[in-house]
C-alpha atoms as a PDB file:
ATOM      1  CA  MET A   1      -1.174  -2.638  -0.420  1.00  0.00           C
ATOM      2  CA  THR A   2      -4.078  -2.552  -2.819  1.00  0.00           C
ATOM      3  CA  MET A   3      -7.433  -1.905  -1.177  1.00  0.00           C
ATOM      4  CA  THR A   4      -9.289  -5.169  -1.756  1.00  0.00           C
ATOM      5  CA  VAL A   5     -11.710  -7.317   0.175  1.00  0.00           C
ATOM      6  CA  GLN A   6      -9.246 -10.233  -0.049  1.00  0.00           C
ATOM      7  CA  ASN A   7      -6.533  -8.165   1.641  1.00  0.00           C
ATOM      8  CA  TYR A   8      -8.983  -7.140   4.345  1.00  0.00           C
ATOM      9  CA  VAL A   9      -9.824 -10.794   4.987  1.00  0.00           C
ATOM     10  CA  LYS A  10      -6.111 -11.612   5.227  1.00  0.00           C
ATOM     11  CA  LEU A  11      -5.614  -8.822   7.767  1.00  0.00           C
ATOM     12  CA  ALA A  12      -8.615  -9.982   9.780  1.00  0.00           C
ATOM     13  CA  ASN A  13      -7.344 -13.577   9.769  1.00  0.00           C
ATOM     14  CA  PHE A  14      -3.903 -12.387  10.879  1.00  0.00           C
ATOM     15  CA  TYR A  15      -5.433 -10.461  13.775  1.00  0.00           C
ATOM     16  CA  ASN A  16      -7.589 -13.401  14.870  1.00  0.00           C
ATOM     17  CA  GLU A  17      -4.606 -15.765  14.794  1.00  0.00           C
ATOM     18  CA  MET A  18      -2.438 -13.257  16.647  1.00  0.00           C
ATOM     19  CA  THR A  19      -5.002 -12.865  19.452  1.00  0.00           C
ATOM     20  CA  ARG A  20      -5.116 -16.641  19.779  1.00  0.00           C
ATOM     21  CA  VAL A  21      -1.341 -16.722  20.209  1.00  0.00           C
ATOM     22  CA  LEU A  22      -1.387 -13.812  22.680  1.00  0.00           C
ATOM     23  CA  SER A  23      -4.014 -15.619  24.742  1.00  0.00           C
ATOM     24  CA  ALA A  24      -1.881 -18.763  24.798  1.00  0.00           C
ATOM     25  CA  ILE A  25       1.146 -16.726  25.900  1.00  0.00           C
ATOM     26  CA  CYS A  26      -0.865 -15.200  28.744  1.00  0.00           C
ATOM     27  CA  VAL A  27      -1.914 -18.666  29.903  1.00  0.00           C
ATOM     28  CA  GLU A  28       1.686 -19.923  29.721  1.00  0.00           C
ATOM     29  CA  LYS A  29       2.863 -16.954  31.799  1.00  0.00           C
ATOM     30  CA  GLY A  30       0.649 -18.003  34.667  1.00  0.00           C
ATOM     31  CA  GLY A  31      -2.758 -16.849  33.551  1.00  0.00           C
ATOM     32  CA  ILE A  32      -2.095 -13.135  33.393  1.00  0.00           C
ATOM     33  CA  ALA A  33      -4.897 -11.015  31.998  1.00  0.00           C
ATOM     34  CA  LEU A  34      -4.459  -9.874  28.410  1.00  0.00           C
ATOM     35  CA  GLU A  35      -4.932  -6.296  29.642  1.00  0.00           C
ATOM     36  CA  ASN A  36      -1.726  -6.701  31.668  1.00  0.00           C
ATOM     37  CA  TYR A  37       0.356  -8.315  28.912  1.00  0.00           C
ATOM     38  CA  VAL A  38       2.841  -6.022  27.195  1.00  0.00           C
ATOM     39  CA  GLY A  39       1.735  -7.303  23.747  1.00  0.00           C
ATOM     40  CA  ARG A  40      -1.648  -5.627  24.208  1.00  0.00           C
ATOM     41  CA  PHE A  41      -0.288  -2.426  22.688  1.00  0.00           C
ATOM     42  CA  PHE A  42       0.763  -4.154  19.483  1.00  0.00           C
ATOM     43  CA  ALA A  43      -2.550  -5.987  19.231  1.00  0.00           C
ATOM     44  CA  ALA A  44      -4.513  -2.755  19.721  1.00  0.00           C
ATOM     45  CA  ASP A  45      -2.400  -0.972  17.105  1.00  0.00           C
ATOM     46  CA  CYS A  46      -3.034  -3.824  14.632  1.00  0.00           C
ATOM     47  CA  LEU A  47      -6.752  -3.698  15.328  1.00  0.00           C
ATOM     48  CA  GLU A  48      -6.747   0.054  14.768  1.00  0.00           C
ATOM     49  CA  TYR A  49      -5.095  -0.507  11.371  1.00  0.00           C
ATOM     50  CA  ILE A  50      -7.647  -3.148  10.408  1.00  0.00           C
ATOM     51  CA  VAL A  51     -10.570  -0.907  11.405  1.00  0.00           C
ATOM     52  CA  GLU A  52      -9.135   2.008   9.433  1.00  0.00           C
ATOM     53  CA  TYR A  53      -8.508  -0.235   6.413  1.00  0.00           C
ATOM     54  CA  GLY A  54     -12.117  -1.412   6.588  1.00  0.00           C
ATOM     55  CA  LYS A  55     -13.439   2.154   6.712  1.00  0.00           C
ATOM     56  CA  ARG A  56     -11.396   3.113   3.669  1.00  0.00           C
ATOM     57  CA  LEU A  57     -12.487  -0.015   1.838  1.00  0.00           C
ATOM     58  CA  LYS A  58     -16.149   0.829   2.466  1.00  0.00           C
ATOM     59  CA  LYS A  59     -15.606   4.381   1.183  1.00  0.00           C
ATOM     60  CA  SER A  60     -13.863   3.144  -1.959  1.00  0.00           C
ATOM     61  CA  GLY A  61     -17.082   1.524  -3.184  1.00  0.00           C
ATOM     62  CA  ALA A  62     -15.329  -1.780  -3.779  1.00  0.00           C
ATOM     63  CA  GLY A  63     -18.568  -3.769  -3.491  1.00  0.00           C
ATOM     64  CA  VAL A  64     -17.927  -5.234  -0.053  1.00  0.00           C
ATOM     65  CA  PRO A  65     -20.135  -8.268   0.673  1.00  0.00           C
ATOM     66  CA  LYS A  66     -22.552  -8.017   3.620  1.00  0.00           C
ATOM     67  CA  GLU A  67     -20.674 -10.703   5.596  1.00  0.00           C
ATOM     68  CA  ILE A  68     -17.473  -8.679   5.381  1.00  0.00           C
ATOM     69  CA  VAL A  69     -19.293  -5.489   6.406  1.00  0.00           C
ATOM     70  CA  ASP A  70     -20.641  -7.377   9.433  1.00  0.00           C
ATOM     71  CA  ALA A  71     -17.087  -8.466  10.300  1.00  0.00           C
ATOM     72  CA  MET A  72     -15.909  -4.864   9.923  1.00  0.00           C
ATOM     73  CA  ASP A  73     -18.603  -3.755  12.344  1.00  0.00           C
ATOM     74  CA  LEU A  74     -17.516  -6.402  14.874  1.00  0.00           C
ATOM     75  CA  PHE A  75     -13.898  -5.261  14.627  1.00  0.00           C
ATOM     76  CA  GLU A  76     -15.013  -1.648  15.144  1.00  0.00           C
ATOM     77  CA  LYS A  77     -16.928  -2.646  18.296  1.00  0.00           C
ATOM     78  CA  ARG A  78     -13.951  -4.630  19.572  1.00  0.00           C
ATOM     79  CA  PHE A  79     -11.680  -1.667  18.855  1.00  0.00           C
ATOM     80  CA  GLU A  80     -13.870   0.631  20.950  1.00  0.00           C
ATOM     81  CA  SER A  81     -13.216  -1.597  23.963  1.00  0.00           C
ATOM     82  CA  VAL A  82      -9.412  -1.560  23.526  1.00  0.00           C
ATOM     83  CA  LYS A  83      -8.996   1.975  22.216  1.00  0.00           C
ATOM     84  CA  SER A  84      -7.220   2.965  25.411  1.00  0.00           C
ATOM     85  CA  PHE A  85      -4.398   0.513  24.613  1.00  0.00           C
ATOM     86  CA  VAL A  86      -3.556   2.068  21.260  1.00  0.00           C
ATOM     87  CA  THR A  87      -0.155   3.674  21.324  1.00  0.00           C
ATOM     88  CA  PRO A  88      -1.098   7.270  22.144  1.00  0.00           C
ATOM     89  CA  ASN A  89       1.923   8.794  20.511  1.00  0.00           C
ATOM     90  CA  GLN A  90       5.588   8.213  20.122  1.00  0.00           C
ATOM     91  CA  LYS A  91       6.609  10.634  22.843  1.00  0.00           C
ATOM     92  CA  PRO A  92       9.668   9.718  24.856  1.00  0.00           C
ATOM     93  CA  ILE A  93       8.840   8.848  28.446  1.00  0.00           C
ATOM     94  CA  TYR A  94      10.424  12.037  29.756  1.00  0.00           C
ATOM     95  CA  GLU A  95       7.928  14.124  27.719  1.00  0.00           C
ATOM     96  CA  MET A  96       4.832  12.231  28.916  1.00  0.00           C
ATOM     97  CA  THR A  97       2.490  13.457  31.570  1.00  0.00           C
ATOM     98  CA  LEU A  98       2.089  11.308  34.638  1.00  0.00           C
ATOM     99  CA  GLU A  99      -1.355  10.237  33.397  1.00  0.00           C
ATOM    100  CA  GLU A 100       0.031   9.133  29.993  1.00  0.00           C
ATOM    101  CA  PHE A 101       2.852   7.217  31.690  1.00  0.00           C
ATOM    102  CA  GLU A 102       0.518   5.449  34.114  1.00  0.00           C
ATOM    103  CA  LYS A 103      -1.799   4.490  31.261  1.00  0.00           C
ATOM    104  CA  ILE A 104       1.048   2.982  29.232  1.00  0.00           C
ATOM    105  CA  MET A 105       2.504   1.185  32.236  1.00  0.00           C
ATOM    106  CA  ASN A 106      -0.964   0.005  33.299  1.00  0.00           C
ATOM    107  CA  ILE A 107      -0.553   1.414  36.805  1.00  0.00           C
END
């Protein structure tokens, strides 16, 4: 994927639409909290990708408009609050520590 502002906007729009759908799913499943929904890992991984893409775009000197930089900053702040949901690694369960397992299983 070419590093462009337009691609960043598409990624950001995808993420926003996906969180809307995840919220609707949580409501349909009886009002469970998003933190307890299994899709939270995927959403956090997507957000991590978007934040990293934004950082690389800023470094590339692509002439990012101020509004987009502000959006990047908001995504970075949001990512800080869900950083614990990012897939820590691809270890099999039998290689995880108890703490890693409890974190993934939200125990």
